[in-house]
PDB file of all heavy atoms in Angstrom:
ATOM      1  N   LYS A   1      11.285 -20.803 -21.832  1.00  0.00           N
ATOM      2  CA  LYS A   1      12.330 -21.727 -22.264  1.00  0.00           C
ATOM      3  C   LYS A   1      13.113 -21.197 -23.466  1.00  0.00           C
ATOM      4  O   LYS A   1      14.328 -21.423 -23.579  1.00  0.00           O
ATOM      5  CB  LYS A   1      11.711 -23.088 -22.579  1.00  0.00           C
ATOM      6  CG  LYS A   1      12.738 -24.178 -22.794  1.00  0.00           C
ATOM      7  CD  LYS A   1      12.054 -25.535 -22.973  1.00  0.00           C
ATOM      8  CE  LYS A   1      13.072 -26.625 -23.257  1.00  0.00           C
ATOM      9  NZ  LYS A   1      12.446 -27.943 -23.451  1.00  0.00           N
ATOM     10  N   GLU A   2      12.451 -20.488 -24.355  1.00  0.00           N
ATOM     11  CA  GLU A   2      13.151 -19.955 -25.533  1.00  0.00           C
ATOM     12  C   GLU A   2      14.256 -18.985 -25.120  1.00  0.00           C
ATOM     13  O   GLU A   2      15.311 -18.917 -25.747  1.00  0.00           O
ATOM     14  CB  GLU A   2      12.149 -19.260 -26.483  1.00  0.00           C
ATOM     15  CG  GLU A   2      11.247 -20.225 -27.232  1.00  0.00           C
ATOM     16  CD  GLU A   2      12.030 -21.300 -27.964  1.00  0.00           C
ATOM     17  OE1 GLU A   2      12.995 -20.955 -28.686  1.00  0.00           O
ATOM     18  OE2 GLU A   2      11.707 -22.488 -27.815  1.00  0.00           O
ATOM     19  N   GLU A   3      14.007 -18.226 -24.037  1.00  0.00           N
ATOM     20  CA  GLU A   3      15.021 -17.285 -23.539  1.00  0.00           C
ATOM     21  C   GLU A   3      16.212 -18.017 -22.944  1.00  0.00           C
ATOM     22  O   GLU A   3      17.364 -17.627 -23.149  1.00  0.00           O
ATOM     23  CB  GLU A   3      14.410 -16.349 -22.483  1.00  0.00           C
ATOM     24  CG  GLU A   3      13.494 -15.284 -23.050  1.00  0.00           C
ATOM     25  CD  GLU A   3      14.254 -14.272 -23.906  1.00  0.00           C
ATOM     26  OE1 GLU A   3      15.475 -14.111 -23.726  1.00  0.00           O
ATOM     27  OE2 GLU A   3      13.617 -13.657 -24.783  1.00  0.00           O
ATOM     28  N   THR A   4      15.942 -19.076 -22.171  1.00  0.00           N
ATOM     29  CA  THR A   4      17.057 -19.813 -21.568  1.00  0.00           C
ATOM     30  C   THR A   4      17.864 -20.540 -22.643  1.00  0.00           C
ATOM     31  O   THR A   4      19.083 -20.686 -22.524  1.00  0.00           O
ATOM     32  CB  THR A   4      16.560 -20.817 -20.499  1.00  0.00           C
ATOM     33  OG1 THR A   4      15.570 -21.682 -21.056  1.00  0.00           O
ATOM     34  CG2 THR A   4      15.974 -20.083 -19.307  1.00  0.00           C
ATOM     35  N   LYS A   5      17.207 -20.963 -23.715  1.00  0.00           N
ATOM     36  CA  LYS A   5      17.929 -21.579 -24.824  1.00  0.00           C
ATOM     37  C   LYS A   5      18.834 -20.552 -25.507  1.00  0.00           C
ATOM     38  O   LYS A   5      19.966 -20.858 -25.899  1.00  0.00           O
ATOM     39  CB  LYS A   5      16.950 -22.175 -25.842  1.00  0.00           C
ATOM     40  CG  LYS A   5      16.351 -23.510 -25.411  1.00  0.00           C
ATOM     41  CD  LYS A   5      15.705 -24.222 -26.589  1.00  0.00           C
ATOM     42  CE  LYS A   5      15.372 -25.665 -26.222  1.00  0.00           C
ATOM     43  NZ  LYS A   5      15.000 -26.465 -27.392  1.00  0.00           N
ATOM     44  N   LYS A   6      18.333 -19.319 -25.633  1.00  0.00           N
ATOM     45  CA  LYS A   6      19.140 -18.247 -26.227  1.00  0.00           C
ATOM     46  C   LYS A   6      20.351 -17.946 -25.348  1.00  0.00           C
ATOM     47  O   LYS A   6      21.440 -17.648 -25.845  1.00  0.00           O
ATOM     48  CB  LYS A   6      18.293 -16.985 -26.398  1.00  0.00           C
ATOM     49  CG  LYS A   6      17.312 -17.028 -27.550  1.00  0.00           C
ATOM     50  CD  LYS A   6      16.513 -15.727 -27.623  1.00  0.00           C
ATOM     51  CE  LYS A   6      15.440 -15.802 -28.695  1.00  0.00           C
ATOM     52  NZ  LYS A   6      14.615 -14.570 -28.712  1.00  0.00           N
ATOM     53  N   MET A   7      20.154 -17.987 -24.026  1.00  0.00           N
ATOM     54  CA  MET A   7      21.264 -17.750 -23.097  1.00  0.00           C
ATOM     55  C   MET A   7      22.369 -18.771 -23.303  1.00  0.00           C
ATOM     56  O   MET A   7      23.550 -18.435 -23.352  1.00  0.00           O
ATOM     57  CB  MET A   7      20.771 -17.834 -21.646  1.00  0.00           C
ATOM     58  CG  MET A   7      19.997 -16.648 -21.162  1.00  0.00           C
ATOM     59  SD  MET A   7      19.559 -16.858 -19.418  1.00  0.00           S
ATOM     60  CE  MET A   7      18.244 -15.663 -19.275  1.00  0.00           C
ATOM     61  N   LEU A   8      21.970 -20.044 -23.407  1.00  0.00           N
ATOM     62  CA  LEU A   8      22.956 -21.109 -23.590  1.00  0.00           C
ATOM     63  C   LEU A   8      23.709 -20.926 -24.911  1.00  0.00           C
ATOM     64  O   LEU A   8      24.930 -21.082 -24.963  1.00  0.00           O
ATOM     65  CB  LEU A   8      22.275 -22.473 -23.541  1.00  0.00           C
ATOM     66  CG  LEU A   8      21.722 -22.888 -22.172  1.00  0.00           C
ATOM     67  CD1 LEU A   8      20.952 -24.191 -22.276  1.00  0.00           C
ATOM     68  CD2 LEU A   8      22.854 -23.032 -21.165  1.00  0.00           C
ATOM     69  N   ALA A   9      22.973 -20.592 -25.959  1.00  0.00           N
ATOM     70  CA  ALA A   9      23.614 -20.348 -27.251  1.00  0.00           C
ATOM     71  C   ALA A   9      24.547 -19.142 -27.150  1.00  0.00           C
ATOM     72  O   ALA A   9      25.633 -19.127 -27.739  1.00  0.00           O
ATOM     73  CB  ALA A   9      22.555 -20.121 -28.323  1.00  0.00           C
ATOM     74  N   GLY A  10      24.133 -18.147 -26.371  1.00  0.00           N
ATOM     75  CA  GLY A  10      24.916 -16.923 -26.209  1.00  0.00           C
ATOM     76  C   GLY A  10      26.254 -17.133 -25.518  1.00  0.00           C
ATOM     77  O   GLY A  10      27.203 -16.378 -25.753  1.00  0.00           O
ATOM     78  N   ILE A  11      26.353 -18.156 -24.673  1.00  0.00           N
ATOM     79  CA  ILE A  11      27.628 -18.418 -23.991  1.00  0.00           C
ATOM     80  C   ILE A  11      28.459 -19.463 -24.731  1.00  0.00           C
ATOM     81  O   ILE A  11      29.536 -19.847 -24.275  1.00  0.00           O
ATOM     82  CB  ILE A  11      27.415 -18.877 -22.528  1.00  0.00           C
ATOM     83  CG1 ILE A  11      26.662 -20.209 -22.474  1.00  0.00           C
ATOM     84  CG2 ILE A  11      26.698 -17.807 -21.724  1.00  0.00           C
ATOM     85  CD1 ILE A  11      26.612 -20.833 -21.088  1.00  0.00           C
ATOM     86  N   GLY A  12      27.933 -19.931 -25.880  1.00  0.00           N
ATOM     87  CA  GLY A  12      28.685 -20.894 -26.671  1.00  0.00           C
ATOM     88  C   GLY A  12      28.372 -22.338 -26.340  1.00  0.00           C
ATOM     89  O   GLY A  12      29.137 -23.243 -26.679  1.00  0.00           O
ATOM     90  N   ALA A  13      27.243 -22.567 -25.666  1.00  0.00           N
ATOM     91  CA  ALA A  13      26.844 -23.936 -25.323  1.00  0.00           C
ATOM     92  C   ALA A  13      25.729 -24.387 -26.256  1.00  0.00           C
ATOM     93  O   ALA A  13      25.069 -23.573 -26.903  1.00  0.00           O
ATOM     94  CB  ALA A  13      26.359 -24.004 -23.872  1.00  0.00           C
ATOM     95  N   ASN A  14      25.506 -25.685 -26.310  1.00  0.00           N
ATOM     96  CA  ASN A  14      24.418 -26.236 -27.101  1.00  0.00           C
ATOM     97  C   ASN A  14      23.098 -25.873 -26.407  1.00  0.00           C
ATOM     98  O   ASN A  14      22.972 -26.001 -25.187  1.00  0.00           O
ATOM     99  CB  ASN A  14      24.579 -27.757 -27.188  1.00  0.00           C
ATOM    100  CG  ASN A  14      23.695 -28.369 -28.259  1.00  0.00           C
ATOM    101  OD1 ASN A  14      22.505 -28.066 -28.343  1.00  0.00           O
ATOM    102  ND2 ASN A  14      24.268 -29.233 -29.068  1.00  0.00           N
ATOM    103  N   SER A  15      22.122 -25.443 -27.136  1.00  0.00           N
ATOM    104  CA  SER A  15      20.869 -24.998 -26.530  1.00  0.00           C
ATOM    105  C   SER A  15      20.097 -26.125 -25.847  1.00  0.00           C
ATOM    106  O   SER A  15      19.251 -25.866 -24.986  1.00  0.00           O
ATOM    107  CB  SER A  15      19.970 -24.321 -27.582  1.00  0.00           C
ATOM    108  OG  SER A  15      19.654 -25.232 -28.617  1.00  0.00           O
ATOM    109  N   ASP A  16      20.385 -27.376 -26.217  1.00  0.00           N
ATOM    110  CA  ASP A  16      19.707 -28.484 -25.539  1.00  0.00           C
ATOM    111  C   ASP A  16      20.681 -29.267 -24.640  1.00  0.00           C
ATOM    112  O   ASP A  16      20.479 -30.441 -24.336  1.00  0.00           O
ATOM    113  CB  ASP A  16      19.013 -29.413 -26.539  1.00  0.00           C
ATOM    114  CG  ASP A  16      19.979 -30.006 -27.561  1.00  0.00           C
ATOM    115  OD1 ASP A  16      21.184 -29.725 -27.478  1.00  0.00           O
ATOM    116  OD2 ASP A  16      19.514 -30.767 -28.441  1.00  0.00           O
ATOM    117  N   ALA A  17      21.736 -28.599 -24.197  1.00  0.00           N
ATOM    118  CA  ALA A  17      22.733 -29.221 -23.318  1.00  0.00           C
ATOM    119  C   ALA A  17      22.132 -29.566 -21.964  1.00  0.00           C
ATOM    120  O   ALA A  17      21.153 -28.954 -21.513  1.00  0.00           O
ATOM    121  CB  ALA A  17      23.916 -28.280 -23.124  1.00  0.00           C
ATOM    122  N   ARG A  18      22.721 -30.555 -21.325  1.00  0.00           N
ATOM    123  CA  ARG A  18      22.370 -30.901 -19.950  1.00  0.00           C
ATOM    124  C   ARG A  18      23.422 -30.310 -19.023  1.00  0.00           C
ATOM    125  O   ARG A  18      24.514 -29.931 -19.467  1.00  0.00           O
ATOM    126  CB  ARG A  18      22.283 -32.422 -19.777  1.00  0.00           C
ATOM    127  CG  ARG A  18      21.230 -33.054 -20.672  1.00  0.00           C
ATOM    128  CD  ARG A  18      21.112 -34.547 -20.439  1.00  0.00           C
ATOM    129  NE  ARG A  18      20.238 -35.168 -21.427  1.00  0.00           N
ATOM    130  CZ  ARG A  18      18.915 -35.184 -21.367  1.00  0.00           C
ATOM    131  NH1 ARG A  18      18.303 -34.618 -20.337  1.00  0.00           N
ATOM    132  NH2 ARG A  18      18.195 -35.762 -22.299  1.00  0.00           N
ATOM    133  N   ALA A  19      23.100 -30.244 -17.737  1.00  0.00           N
ATOM    134  CA  ALA A  19      23.982 -29.590 -16.782  1.00  0.00           C
ATOM    135  C   ALA A  19      25.399 -30.167 -16.798  1.00  0.00           C
ATOM    136  O   ALA A  19      26.384 -29.430 -16.684  1.00  0.00           O
ATOM    137  CB  ALA A  19      23.390 -29.699 -15.374  1.00  0.00           C
ATOM    138  N   GLU A  20      25.522 -31.486 -16.958  1.00  0.00           N
ATOM    139  CA  GLU A  20      26.843 -32.124 -16.893  1.00  0.00           C
ATOM    140  C   GLU A  20      27.715 -31.841 -18.117  1.00  0.00           C
ATOM    141  O   GLU A  20      28.906 -32.166 -18.129  1.00  0.00           O
ATOM    142  CB  GLU A  20      26.700 -33.646 -16.710  1.00  0.00           C
ATOM    143  CG  GLU A  20      25.923 -34.346 -17.793  1.00  0.00           C
ATOM    144  CD  GLU A  20      24.445 -34.527 -17.461  1.00  0.00           C
ATOM    145  OE1 GLU A  20      23.900 -33.672 -16.719  1.00  0.00           O
ATOM    146  OE2 GLU A  20      23.842 -35.517 -17.921  1.00  0.00           O
ATOM    147  N   ASN A  21      27.117 -31.205 -19.162  1.00  0.00           N
ATOM    148  CA  ASN A  21      27.869 -30.903 -20.382  1.00  0.00           C
ATOM    149  C   ASN A  21      28.657 -29.595 -20.303  1.00  0.00           C
ATOM    150  O   ASN A  21      29.563 -29.366 -21.102  1.00  0.00           O
ATOM    151  CB  ASN A  21      26.922 -30.812 -21.586  1.00  0.00           C
ATOM    152  CG  ASN A  21      26.164 -32.097 -21.851  1.00  0.00           C
ATOM    153  OD1 ASN A  21      24.961 -32.083 -22.082  1.00  0.00           O
ATOM    154  ND2 ASN A  21      26.850 -33.226 -21.809  1.00  0.00           N
ATOM    155  N   LEU A  22      28.305 -28.720 -19.361  1.00  0.00           N
ATOM    156  CA  LEU A  22      28.917 -27.393 -19.306  1.00  0.00           C
ATOM    157  C   LEU A  22      30.176 -27.369 -18.438  1.00  0.00           C
ATOM    158  O   LEU A  22      30.203 -27.940 -17.352  1.00  0.00           O
ATOM    159  CB  LEU A  22      27.929 -26.358 -18.764  1.00  0.00           C
ATOM    160  CG  LEU A  22      27.114 -25.578 -19.807  1.00  0.00           C
ATOM    161  CD1 LEU A  22      26.209 -26.517 -20.575  1.00  0.00           C
ATOM    162  CD2 LEU A  22      26.315 -24.468 -19.138  1.00  0.00           C
ATOM    163  N   SER A  23      31.207 -26.691 -18.934  1.00  0.00           N
ATOM    164  CA  SER A  23      32.441 -26.517 -18.170  1.00  0.00           C
ATOM    165  C   SER A  23      32.236 -25.426 -17.119  1.00  0.00           C
ATOM    166  O   SER A  23      31.256 -24.666 -17.162  1.00  0.00           O
ATOM    167  CB  SER A  23      33.582 -26.103 -19.099  1.00  0.00           C
ATOM    168  OG  SER A  23      33.316 -24.803 -19.634  1.00  0.00           O
ATOM    169  N   LEU A  24      33.161 -25.342 -16.191  1.00  0.00           N
ATOM    170  CA  LEU A  24      33.101 -24.299 -15.161  1.00  0.00           C
ATOM    171  C   LEU A  24      33.057 -22.909 -15.790  1.00  0.00           C
ATOM    172  O   LEU A  24      32.282 -22.047 -15.368  1.00  0.00           O
ATOM    173  CB  LEU A  24      34.318 -24.410 -14.234  1.00  0.00           C
ATOM    174  CG  LEU A  24      34.478 -23.279 -13.206  1.00  0.00           C
ATOM    175  CD1 LEU A  24      33.338 -23.297 -12.197  1.00  0.00           C
ATOM    176  CD2 LEU A  24      35.819 -23.399 -12.493  1.00  0.00           C
TER     177      LEU A  24
END
């Protein structure tokens, strides 16, 4: 999970974001 959180942060998203929060 720590890696997937880093991925989200790496693309400019919140690390605890839900699927519906991300743009295309």
